[in-house]
Amino acid sequence: HTFGITQRYSGFSFPYVCILVSMGLLQLPKLRPWFSLPIAAVLAV
């Protein structure tokens, strides 16, 4: 059954995901502005 498929039971992953997301954000300004600015605008949304 699918009853136990819920976010809280695998929530141990969130701290490590925060690190991976931070890596992407730090890499973003290293792009050319015509690439980074559109992505940044969508991330602002």
ModelCIF file with pLDDT and N, C-alpha, C, O atoms, coordinates in Angstrom:
data_MODEL
#
_entry.id   MODEL 
#
_entity.id                         1 
_entity.type                       polymer 
_entity.pdbx_number_of_molecules   1 
#
_entity_poly.entity_id                      1 
_entity_poly.type                           'polypeptide(L)' 
_entity_poly.nstd_linkage                   no 
_entity_poly.nstd_monomer                   no 
_entity_poly.pdbx_seq_one_letter_code       HTFGITQRYSGFSFPYVCILVSMGLLQLPKLRPWFSLPIAAVLAV 
_entity_poly.pdbx_seq_one_letter_code_can   HTFGITQRYSGFSFPYVCILVSMGLLQLPKLRPWFSLPIAAVLAV 
_entity_poly.pdbx_strand_id                 A 
#
loop_
_entity_poly_seq.entity_id 
_entity_poly_seq.num 
_entity_poly_seq.mon_id 
_entity_poly_seq.hetero 
1 1  HIS n 
1 2  THR n 
1 3  PHE n 
1 4  GLY n 
1 5  ILE n 
1 6  THR n 
1 7  GLN n 
1 8  ARG n 
1 9  TYR n 
1 10 SER n 
1 11 GLY n 
1 12 PHE n 
1 13 SER n 
1 14 PHE n 
1 15 PRO n 
1 16 TYR n 
1 17 VAL n 
1 18 CYS n 
1 19 ILE n 
1 20 LEU n 
1 21 VAL n 
1 22 SER n 
1 23 MET n 
1 24 GLY n 
1 25 LEU n 
1 26 LEU n 
1 27 GLN n 
1 28 LEU n 
1 29 PRO n 
1 30 LYS n 
1 31 LEU n 
1 32 ARG n 
1 33 PRO n 
1 34 TRP n 
1 35 PHE n 
1 36 SER n 
1 37 LEU n 
1 38 PRO n 
1 39 ILE n 
1 40 ALA n 
1 41 ALA n 
1 42 VAL n 
1 43 LEU n 
1 44 ALA n 
1 45 VAL n 
#
_struct_asym.id          A 
_struct_asym.entity_id   1 
#
loop_
_ma_qa_metric.id 
_ma_qa_metric.mode 
_ma_qa_metric.name 
_ma_qa_metric.software_group_id 
_ma_qa_metric.type 
1 global pLDDT . pLDDT 
2 local  pLDDT . pLDDT 
#
_ma_qa_metric_global.metric_id      1 
_ma_qa_metric_global.metric_value   96.98 
_ma_qa_metric_global.model_id       1 
_ma_qa_metric_global.ordinal_id     1 
#
loop_
_ma_qa_metric_local.label_asym_id 
_ma_qa_metric_local.label_comp_id 
_ma_qa_metric_local.label_seq_id 
_ma_qa_metric_local.metric_id 
_ma_qa_metric_local.metric_value 
_ma_qa_metric_local.model_id 
_ma_qa_metric_local.ordinal_id 
A HIS 1  2 96.00 1 1  
A THR 2  2 95.00 1 2  
A PHE 3  2 94.00 1 3  
A GLY 4  2 91.00 1 4  
A ILE 5  2 95.00 1 5  
A THR 6  2 95.00 1 6  
A GLN 7  2 95.00 1 7  
A ARG 8  2 95.00 1 8  
A TYR 9  2 95.00 1 9  
A SER 10 2 94.00 1 10 
A GLY 11 2 97.00 1 11 
A PHE 12 2 97.00 1 12 
A SER 13 2 98.00 1 13 
A PHE 14 2 98.00 1 14 
A PRO 15 2 98.00 1 15 
A TYR 16 2 98.00 1 16 
A VAL 17 2 98.00 1 17 
A CYS 18 2 98.00 1 18 
A ILE 19 2 98.00 1 19 
A LEU 20 2 98.00 1 20 
A VAL 21 2 98.00 1 21 
A SER 22 2 98.00 1 22 
A MET 23 2 98.00 1 23 
A GLY 24 2 98.00 1 24 
A LEU 25 2 98.00 1 25 
A LEU 26 2 98.00 1 26 
A GLN 27 2 98.00 1 27 
A LEU 28 2 98.00 1 28 
A PRO 29 2 97.00 1 29 
A LYS 30 2 96.00 1 30 
A LEU 31 2 97.00 1 31 
A ARG 32 2 96.00 1 32 
A PRO 33 2 97.00 1 33 
A TRP 34 2 97.00 1 34 
A PHE 35 2 98.00 1 35 
A SER 36 2 97.00 1 36 
A LEU 37 2 98.00 1 37 
A PRO 38 2 98.00 1 38 
A ILE 39 2 98.00 1 39 
A ALA 40 2 98.00 1 40 
A ALA 41 2 98.00 1 41 
A VAL 42 2 98.00 1 42 
A LEU 43 2 98.00 1 43 
A ALA 44 2 98.00 1 44 
A VAL 45 2 98.00 1 45 
#
loop_
_atom_site.group_PDB 
_atom_site.id 
_atom_site.type_symbol 
_atom_site.label_atom_id 
_atom_site.label_alt_id 
_atom_site.label_comp_id 
_atom_site.label_asym_id 
_atom_site.label_entity_id 
_atom_site.label_seq_id 
_atom_site.pdbx_PDB_ins_code 
_atom_site.Cartn_x 
_atom_site.Cartn_y 
_atom_site.Cartn_z 
_atom_site.occupancy 
_atom_site.B_iso_or_equiv 
_atom_site.pdbx_formal_charge 
_atom_site.auth_seq_id 
_atom_site.auth_comp_id 
_atom_site.auth_asym_id 
_atom_site.auth_atom_id 
_atom_site.pdbx_PDB_model_num 
ATOM 1   N N  . HIS A 1 1  ? 0.842  -1.192 0.000   1.00 96.00 ? 1  HIS A N  1 
ATOM 2   C CA . HIS A 1 1  ? 0.000  0.000  0.000   1.00 96.00 ? 1  HIS A CA 1 
ATOM 3   C C  . HIS A 1 1  ? 0.882  1.248  0.000   1.00 96.00 ? 1  HIS A C  1 
ATOM 4   O O  . HIS A 1 1  ? 2.081  1.174  0.270   1.00 96.00 ? 1  HIS A O  1 
ATOM 5   N N  . THR A 1 2  ? 0.272  2.399  -0.307  1.00 95.00 ? 2  THR A N  1 
ATOM 6   C CA . THR A 1 2  ? 1.032  3.643  -0.448  1.00 95.00 ? 2  THR A CA 1 
ATOM 7   C C  . THR A 1 2  ? 0.879  4.574  0.749   1.00 95.00 ? 2  THR A C  1 
ATOM 8   O O  . THR A 1 2  ? 1.320  5.721  0.686   1.00 95.00 ? 2  THR A O  1 
ATOM 9   N N  . PHE A 1 3  ? 0.269  4.112  1.834   1.00 94.00 ? 3  PHE A N  1 
ATOM 10  C CA . PHE A 1 3  ? -0.040 5.014  2.944   1.00 94.00 ? 3  PHE A CA 1 
ATOM 11  C C  . PHE A 1 3  ? 1.216  5.660  3.536   1.00 94.00 ? 3  PHE A C  1 
ATOM 12  O O  . PHE A 1 3  ? 1.188  6.832  3.910   1.00 94.00 ? 3  PHE A O  1 
ATOM 13  N N  . GLY A 1 4  ? 2.304  4.914  3.624   1.00 91.00 ? 4  GLY A N  1 
ATOM 14  C CA . GLY A 1 4  ? 3.503  5.428  4.294   1.00 91.00 ? 4  GLY A CA 1 
ATOM 15  C C  . GLY A 1 4  ? 4.400  6.291  3.431   1.00 91.00 ? 4  GLY A C  1 
ATOM 16  O O  . GLY A 1 4  ? 5.446  6.746  3.893   1.00 91.00 ? 4  GLY A O  1 
ATOM 17  N N  . ILE A 1 5  ? 4.009  6.528  2.173   1.00 95.00 ? 5  ILE A N  1 
ATOM 18  C CA . ILE A 1 5  ? 4.853  7.356  1.307   1.00 95.00 ? 5  ILE A CA 1 
ATOM 19  C C  . ILE A 1 5  ? 4.536  8.814  1.603   1.00 95.00 ? 5  ILE A C  1 
ATOM 20  O O  . ILE A 1 5  ? 3.648  9.412  0.996   1.00 95.00 ? 5  ILE A O  1 
ATOM 21  N N  . THR A 1 6  ? 5.268  9.361  2.531   1.00 95.00 ? 6  THR A N  1 
ATOM 22  C CA . THR A 1 6  ? 5.036  10.738 2.954   1.00 95.00 ? 6  THR A CA 1 
ATOM 23  C C  . THR A 1 6  ? 6.366  11.406 3.254   1.00 95.00 ? 6  THR A C  1 
ATOM 24  O O  . THR A 1 6  ? 7.325  10.746 3.657   1.00 95.00 ? 6  THR A O  1 
ATOM 25  N N  . GLN A 1 7  ? 6.421  12.717 3.058   1.00 95.00 ? 7  GLN A N  1 
ATOM 26  C CA . GLN A 1 7  ? 7.672  13.465 3.108   1.00 95.00 ? 7  GLN A CA 1 
ATOM 27  C C  . GLN A 1 7  ? 8.388  13.329 4.446   1.00 95.00 ? 7  GLN A C  1 
ATOM 28  O O  . GLN A 1 7  ? 9.616  13.246 4.479   1.00 95.00 ? 7  GLN A O  1 
ATOM 29  N N  . ARG A 1 8  ? 7.653  13.306 5.532   1.00 95.00 ? 8  ARG A N  1 
ATOM 30  C CA . ARG A 1 8  ? 8.296  13.355 6.846   1.00 95.00 ? 8  ARG A CA 1 
ATOM 31  C C  . ARG A 1 8  ? 9.111  12.105 7.144   1.00 95.00 ? 8  ARG A C  1 
ATOM 32  O O  . ARG A 1 8  ? 10.058 12.159 7.929   1.00 95.00 ? 8  ARG A O  1 
ATOM 33  N N  . TYR A 1 9  ? 8.756  10.976 6.525   1.00 95.00 ? 9  TYR A N  1 
ATOM 34  C CA . TYR A 1 9  ? 9.474  9.740  6.823   1.00 95.00 ? 9  TYR A CA 1 
ATOM 35  C C  . TYR A 1 9  ? 10.827 9.647  6.126   1.00 95.00 ? 9  TYR A C  1 
ATOM 36  O O  . TYR A 1 9  ? 11.627 8.767  6.442   1.00 95.00 ? 9  TYR A O  1 
ATOM 37  N N  . SER A 1 10 ? 11.084 10.537 5.193   1.00 94.00 ? 10 SER A N  1 
ATOM 38  C CA . SER A 1 10 ? 12.418 10.593 4.584   1.00 94.00 ? 10 SER A CA 1 
ATOM 39  C C  . SER A 1 10 ? 13.005 11.995 4.716   1.00 94.00 ? 10 SER A C  1 
ATOM 40  O O  . SER A 1 10 ? 13.873 12.394 3.939   1.00 94.00 ? 10 SER A O  1 
ATOM 41  N N  . GLY A 1 11 ? 12.522 12.731 5.706   1.00 97.00 ? 11 GLY A N  1 
ATOM 42  C CA . GLY A 1 11 ? 12.956 14.112 5.892   1.00 97.00 ? 11 GLY A CA 1 
ATOM 43  C C  . GLY A 1 11 ? 14.401 14.255 6.325   1.00 97.00 ? 11 GLY A C  1 
ATOM 44  O O  . GLY A 1 11 ? 14.930 15.366 6.357   1.00 97.00 ? 11 GLY A O  1 
ATOM 45  N N  . PHE A 1 12 ? 15.055 13.136 6.662   1.00 97.00 ? 12 PHE A N  1 
ATOM 46  C CA . PHE A 1 12 ? 16.475 13.184 7.023   1.00 97.00 ? 12 PHE A CA 1 
ATOM 47  C C  . PHE A 1 12 ? 17.323 13.739 5.877   1.00 97.00 ? 12 PHE A C  1 
ATOM 48  O O  . PHE A 1 12 ? 18.446 14.192 6.101   1.00 97.00 ? 12 PHE A O  1 
ATOM 49  N N  . SER A 1 13 ? 16.794 13.707 4.654   1.00 98.00 ? 13 SER A N  1 
ATOM 50  C CA . SER A 1 13 ? 17.565 14.115 3.471   1.00 98.00 ? 13 SER A CA 1 
ATOM 51  C C  . SER A 1 13 ? 17.695 15.626 3.330   1.00 98.00 ? 13 SER A C  1 
ATOM 52  O O  . SER A 1 13 ? 18.608 16.095 2.649   1.00 98.00 ? 13 SER A O  1 
ATOM 53  N N  . PHE A 1 14 ? 16.824 16.392 3.944   1.00 98.00 ? 14 PHE A N  1 
ATOM 54  C CA . PHE A 1 14 ? 16.767 17.831 3.675   1.00 98.00 ? 14 PHE A CA 1 
ATOM 55  C C  . PHE A 1 14 ? 18.075 18.583 3.943   1.00 98.00 ? 14 PHE A C  1 
ATOM 56  O O  . PHE A 1 14 ? 18.436 19.432 3.127   1.00 98.00 ? 14 PHE A O  1 
ATOM 57  N N  . PRO A 1 15 ? 18.802 18.327 5.027   1.00 98.00 ? 15 PRO A N  1 
ATOM 58  C CA . PRO A 1 15 ? 20.039 19.093 5.225   1.00 98.00 ? 15 PRO A CA 1 
ATOM 59  C C  . PRO A 1 15 ? 21.036 18.926 4.080   1.00 98.00 ? 15 PRO A C  1 
ATOM 60  O O  . PRO A 1 15 ? 21.712 19.881 3.697   1.00 98.00 ? 15 PRO A O  1 
ATOM 61  N N  . TYR A 1 16 ? 21.123 17.730 3.542   1.00 98.00 ? 16 TYR A N  1 
ATOM 62  C CA . TYR A 1 16 ? 22.094 17.458 2.480   1.00 98.00 ? 16 TYR A CA 1 
ATOM 63  C C  . TYR A 1 16 ? 21.640 18.055 1.152   1.00 98.00 ? 16 TYR A C  1 
ATOM 64  O O  . TYR A 1 16 ? 22.458 18.460 0.325   1.00 98.00 ? 16 TYR A O  1 
ATOM 65  N N  . VAL A 1 17 ? 20.322 18.102 0.963   1.00 98.00 ? 17 VAL A N  1 
ATOM 66  C CA . VAL A 1 17 ? 19.785 18.763 -0.226  1.00 98.00 ? 17 VAL A CA 1 
ATOM 67  C C  . VAL A 1 17 ? 20.075 20.260 -0.164  1.00 98.00 ? 17 VAL A C  1 
ATOM 68  O O  . VAL A 1 17 ? 20.359 20.881 -1.188  1.00 98.00 ? 17 VAL A O  1 
ATOM 69  N N  . CYS A 1 18 ? 20.004 20.839 1.029   1.00 98.00 ? 18 CYS A N  1 
ATOM 70  C CA . CYS A 1 18 ? 20.341 22.266 1.184   1.00 98.00 ? 18 CYS A CA 1 
ATOM 71  C C  . CYS A 1 18 ? 21.756 22.542 0.687   1.00 98.00 ? 18 CYS A C  1 
ATOM 72  O O  . CYS A 1 18 ? 22.012 23.581 0.078   1.00 98.00 ? 18 CYS A O  1 
ATOM 73  N N  . ILE A 1 19 ? 22.674 21.615 0.945   1.00 98.00 ? 19 ILE A N  1 
ATOM 74  C CA . ILE A 1 19 ? 24.053 21.786 0.490   1.00 98.00 ? 19 ILE A CA 1 
ATOM 75  C C  . ILE A 1 19 ? 24.122 21.735 -1.034  1.00 98.00 ? 19 ILE A C  1 
ATOM 76  O O  . ILE A 1 19 ? 24.782 22.571 -1.651  1.00 98.00 ? 19 ILE A O  1 
ATOM 77  N N  . LEU A 1 20 ? 23.452 20.771 -1.640  1.00 98.00 ? 20 LEU A N  1 
ATOM 78  C CA . LEU A 1 20 ? 23.473 20.652 -3.101  1.00 98.00 ? 20 LEU A CA 1 
ATOM 79  C C  . LEU A 1 20 ? 22.873 21.888 -3.764  1.00 98.00 ? 20 LEU A C  1 
ATOM 80  O O  . LEU A 1 20 ? 23.415 22.393 -4.746  1.00 98.00 ? 20 LEU A O  1 
ATOM 81  N N  . VAL A 1 21 ? 21.755 22.374 -3.227  1.00 98.00 ? 21 VAL A N  1 
ATOM 82  C CA . VAL A 1 21 ? 21.126 23.569 -3.793  1.00 98.00 ? 21 VAL A CA 1 
ATOM 83  C C  . VAL A 1 21 ? 22.062 24.765 -3.657  1.00 98.00 ? 21 VAL A C  1 
ATOM 84  O O  . VAL A 1 21 ? 22.152 25.589 -4.567  1.00 98.00 ? 21 VAL A O  1 
ATOM 85  N N  . SER A 1 22 ? 22.751 24.865 -2.543  1.00 98.00 ? 22 SER A N  1 
ATOM 86  C CA . SER A 1 22 ? 23.691 25.967 -2.346  1.00 98.00 ? 22 SER A CA 1 
ATOM 87  C C  . SER A 1 22 ? 24.816 25.927 -3.378  1.00 98.00 ? 22 SER A C  1 
ATOM 88  O O  . SER A 1 22 ? 25.281 26.971 -3.834  1.00 98.00 ? 22 SER A O  1 
ATOM 89  N N  . MET A 1 23 ? 25.245 24.742 -3.739  1.00 98.00 ? 23 MET A N  1 
ATOM 90  C CA . MET A 1 23 ? 26.277 24.621 -4.773  1.00 98.00 ? 23 MET A CA 1 
ATOM 91  C C  . MET A 1 23 ? 25.791 25.218 -6.089  1.00 98.00 ? 23 MET A C  1 
ATOM 92  O O  . MET A 1 23 ? 26.532 25.937 -6.760  1.00 98.00 ? 23 MET A O  1 
ATOM 93  N N  . GLY A 1 24 ? 24.552 24.921 -6.455  1.00 98.00 ? 24 GLY A N  1 
ATOM 94  C CA . GLY A 1 24 ? 24.003 25.494 -7.687  1.00 98.00 ? 24 GLY A CA 1 
ATOM 95  C C  . GLY A 1 24 ? 23.901 27.000 -7.634  1.00 98.00 ? 24 GLY A C  1 
ATOM 96  O O  . GLY A 1 24 ? 24.186 27.685 -8.616  1.00 98.00 ? 24 GLY A O  1 
ATOM 97  N N  . LEU A 1 25 ? 23.490 27.524 -6.476  1.00 98.00 ? 25 LEU A N  1 
ATOM 98  C CA . LEU A 1 25 ? 23.368 28.979 -6.340  1.00 98.00 ? 25 LEU A CA 1 
ATOM 99  C C  . LEU A 1 25 ? 24.727 29.665 -6.401  1.00 98.00 ? 25 LEU A C  1 
ATOM 100 O O  . LEU A 1 25 ? 24.841 30.758 -6.954  1.00 98.00 ? 25 LEU A O  1 
ATOM 101 N N  . LEU A 1 26 ? 25.756 29.038 -5.841  1.00 98.00 ? 26 LEU A N  1 
ATOM 102 C CA . LEU A 1 26 ? 27.097 29.619 -5.915  1.00 98.00 ? 26 LEU A CA 1 
ATOM 103 C C  . LEU A 1 26 ? 27.670 29.554 -7.327  1.00 98.00 ? 26 LEU A C  1 
ATOM 104 O O  . LEU A 1 26 ? 28.484 30.393 -7.712  1.00 98.00 ? 26 LEU A O  1 
ATOM 105 N N  . GLN A 1 27 ? 27.249 28.567 -8.085  1.00 98.00 ? 27 GLN A N  1 
ATOM 106 C CA . GLN A 1 27 ? 27.736 28.442 -9.459  1.00 98.00 ? 27 GLN A CA 1 
ATOM 107 C C  . GLN A 1 27 ? 27.033 29.420 -10.395 1.00 98.00 ? 27 GLN A C  1 
ATOM 108 O O  . GLN A 1 27 ? 27.592 29.808 -11.420 1.00 98.00 ? 27 GLN A O  1 
ATOM 109 N N  . LEU A 1 28 ? 25.811 29.820 -10.048 1.00 98.00 ? 28 LEU A N  1 
ATOM 110 C CA . LEU A 1 28 ? 25.003 30.662 -10.937 1.00 98.00 ? 28 LEU A CA 1 
ATOM 111 C C  . LEU A 1 28 ? 25.703 31.956 -11.337 1.00 98.00 ? 28 LEU A C  1 
ATOM 112 O O  . LEU A 1 28 ? 25.748 32.241 -12.533 1.00 98.00 ? 28 LEU A O  1 
ATOM 113 N N  . PRO A 1 29 ? 26.256 32.767 -10.420 1.00 97.00 ? 29 PRO A N  1 
ATOM 114 C CA . PRO A 1 29 ? 26.893 34.024 -10.835 1.00 97.00 ? 29 PRO A CA 1 
ATOM 115 C C  . PRO A 1 29 ? 28.172 33.831 -11.643 1.00 97.00 ? 29 PRO A C  1 
ATOM 116 O O  . PRO A 1 29 ? 28.711 34.800 -12.177 1.00 97.00 ? 29 PRO A O  1 
ATOM 117 N N  . LYS A 1 30 ? 28.662 32.610 -11.741 1.00 96.00 ? 30 LYS A N  1 
ATOM 118 C CA . LYS A 1 30 ? 29.853 32.353 -12.547 1.00 96.00 ? 30 LYS A CA 1 
ATOM 119 C C  . LYS A 1 30 ? 29.521 32.219 -14.027 1.00 96.00 ? 30 LYS A C  1 
ATOM 120 O O  . LYS A 1 30 ? 30.414 32.201 -14.874 1.00 96.00 ? 30 LYS A O  1 
ATOM 121 N N  . LEU A 1 31 ? 28.233 32.127 -14.328 1.00 97.00 ? 31 LEU A N  1 
ATOM 122 C CA . LEU A 1 31 ? 27.803 32.108 -15.728 1.00 97.00 ? 31 LEU A CA 1 
ATOM 123 C C  . LEU A 1 31 ? 27.873 33.508 -16.330 1.00 97.00 ? 31 LEU A C  1 
ATOM 124 O O  . LEU A 1 31 ? 27.931 34.508 -15.614 1.00 97.00 ? 31 LEU A O  1 
ATOM 125 N N  . ARG A 1 32 ? 27.867 33.557 -17.645 1.00 96.00 ? 32 ARG A N  1 
ATOM 126 C CA . ARG A 1 32 ? 27.722 34.828 -18.346 1.00 96.00 ? 32 ARG A CA 1 
ATOM 127 C C  . ARG A 1 32 ? 26.374 35.444 -17.974 1.00 96.00 ? 32 ARG A C  1 
ATOM 128 O O  . ARG A 1 32 ? 25.399 34.711 -17.804 1.00 96.00 ? 32 ARG A O  1 
ATOM 129 N N  . PRO A 1 33 ? 26.291 36.760 -17.843 1.00 97.00 ? 33 PRO A N  1 
ATOM 130 C CA . PRO A 1 33 ? 25.039 37.377 -17.384 1.00 97.00 ? 33 PRO A CA 1 
ATOM 131 C C  . PRO A 1 33 ? 23.837 37.062 -18.267 1.00 97.00 ? 33 PRO A C  1 
ATOM 132 O O  . PRO A 1 33 ? 22.711 37.002 -17.774 1.00 97.00 ? 33 PRO A O  1 
ATOM 133 N N  . TRP A 1 34 ? 24.059 36.861 -19.567 1.00 97.00 ? 34 TRP A N  1 
ATOM 134 C CA . TRP A 1 34 ? 22.919 36.536 -20.435 1.00 97.00 ? 34 TRP A CA 1 
ATOM 135 C C  . TRP A 1 34 ? 22.395 35.124 -20.178 1.00 97.00 ? 34 TRP A C  1 
ATOM 136 O O  . TRP A 1 34 ? 21.327 34.757 -20.669 1.00 97.00 ? 34 TRP A O  1 
ATOM 137 N N  . PHE A 1 35 ? 23.140 34.339 -19.416 1.00 98.00 ? 35 PHE A N  1 
ATOM 138 C CA . PHE A 1 35 ? 22.646 33.033 -18.975 1.00 98.00 ? 35 PHE A CA 1 
ATOM 139 C C  . PHE A 1 35 ? 22.147 33.082 -17.528 1.00 98.00 ? 35 PHE A C  1 
ATOM 140 O O  . PHE A 1 35 ? 21.100 32.522 -17.203 1.00 98.00 ? 35 PHE A O  1 
ATOM 141 N N  . SER A 1 36 ? 22.904 33.754 -16.672 1.00 97.00 ? 36 SER A N  1 
ATOM 142 C CA . SER A 1 36 ? 22.580 33.732 -15.238 1.00 97.00 ? 36 SER A CA 1 
ATOM 143 C C  . SER A 1 36 ? 21.344 34.554 -14.896 1.00 97.00 ? 36 SER A C  1 
ATOM 144 O O  . SER A 1 36 ? 20.546 34.151 -14.050 1.00 97.00 ? 36 SER A O  1 
ATOM 145 N N  . LEU A 1 37 ? 21.179 35.717 -15.553 1.00 98.00 ? 37 LEU A N  1 
ATOM 146 C CA . LEU A 1 37 ? 20.074 36.598 -15.182 1.00 98.00 ? 37 LEU A CA 1 
ATOM 147 C C  . LEU A 1 37 ? 18.700 35.991 -15.466 1.00 98.00 ? 37 LEU A C  1 
ATOM 148 O O  . LEU A 1 37 ? 17.821 36.102 -14.612 1.00 98.00 ? 37 LEU A O  1 
ATOM 149 N N  . PRO A 1 38 ? 18.465 35.352 -16.623 1.00 98.00 ? 38 PRO A N  1 
ATOM 150 C CA . PRO A 1 38 ? 17.153 34.718 -16.825 1.00 98.00 ? 38 PRO A CA 1 
ATOM 151 C C  . PRO A 1 38 ? 16.856 33.618 -15.794 1.00 98.00 ? 38 PRO A C  1 
ATOM 152 O O  . PRO A 1 38 ? 15.734 33.505 -15.299 1.00 98.00 ? 38 PRO A O  1 
ATOM 153 N N  . ILE A 1 39 ? 17.877 32.814 -15.482 1.00 98.00 ? 39 ILE A N  1 
ATOM 154 C CA . ILE A 1 39 ? 17.670 31.760 -14.483 1.00 98.00 ? 39 ILE A CA 1 
ATOM 155 C C  . ILE A 1 39 ? 17.381 32.383 -13.118 1.00 98.00 ? 39 ILE A C  1 
ATOM 156 O O  . ILE A 1 39 ? 16.493 31.925 -12.399 1.00 98.00 ? 39 ILE A O  1 
ATOM 157 N N  . ALA A 1 40 ? 18.132 33.429 -12.761 1.00 98.00 ? 40 ALA A N  1 
ATOM 158 C CA . ALA A 1 40 ? 17.912 34.103 -11.490 1.00 98.00 ? 40 ALA A CA 1 
ATOM 159 C C  . ALA A 1 40 ? 16.508 34.686 -11.409 1.00 98.00 ? 40 ALA A C  1 
ATOM 160 O O  . ALA A 1 40 ? 15.879 34.648 -10.351 1.00 98.00 ? 40 ALA A O  1 
ATOM 161 N N  . ALA A 1 41 ? 16.015 35.222 -12.516 1.00 98.00 ? 41 ALA A N  1 
ATOM 162 C CA . ALA A 1 41 ? 14.665 35.800 -12.532 1.00 98.00 ? 41 ALA A CA 1 
ATOM 163 C C  . ALA A 1 41 ? 13.603 34.726 -12.264 1.00 98.00 ? 41 ALA A C  1 
ATOM 164 O O  . ALA A 1 41 ? 12.647 34.957 -11.524 1.00 98.00 ? 41 ALA A O  1 
ATOM 165 N N  . VAL A 1 42 ? 13.786 33.552 -12.878 1.00 98.00 ? 42 VAL A N  1 
ATOM 166 C CA . VAL A 1 42 ? 12.824 32.467 -12.653 1.00 98.00 ? 42 VAL A CA 1 
ATOM 167 C C  . VAL A 1 42 ? 12.929 31.950 -11.214 1.00 98.00 ? 42 VAL A C  1 
ATOM 168 O O  . VAL A 1 42 ? 11.918 31.625 -10.592 1.00 98.00 ? 42 VAL A O  1 
ATOM 169 N N  . LEU A 1 43 ? 14.147 31.877 -10.694 1.00 98.00 ? 43 LEU A N  1 
ATOM 170 C CA . LEU A 1 43 ? 14.310 31.471 -9.291  1.00 98.00 ? 43 LEU A CA 1 
ATOM 171 C C  . LEU A 1 43 ? 13.659 32.477 -8.344  1.00 98.00 ? 43 LEU A C  1 
ATOM 172 O O  . LEU A 1 43 ? 13.182 32.104 -7.273  1.00 98.00 ? 43 LEU A O  1 
ATOM 173 N N  . ALA A 1 44 ? 13.637 33.744 -8.734  1.00 98.00 ? 44 ALA A N  1 
ATOM 174 C CA . ALA A 1 44 ? 12.946 34.756 -7.932  1.00 98.00 ? 44 ALA A CA 1 
ATOM 175 C C  . ALA A 1 44 ? 11.439 34.485 -7.903  1.00 98.00 ? 44 ALA A C  1 
ATOM 176 O O  . ALA A 1 44 ? 10.781 34.706 -6.887  1.00 98.00 ? 44 ALA A O  1 
ATOM 177 N N  . VAL A 1 45 ? 10.900 34.002 -9.034  1.00 98.00 ? 45 VAL A N  1 
ATOM 178 C CA . VAL A 1 45 ? 9.486  33.617 -9.069  1.00 98.00 ? 45 VAL A CA 1 
ATOM 179 C C  . VAL A 1 45 ? 9.236  32.473 -8.085  1.00 98.00 ? 45 VAL A C  1 
ATOM 180 O O  . VAL A 1 45 ? 8.106  32.001 -7.962  1.00 98.00 ? 45 VAL A O  1 
#
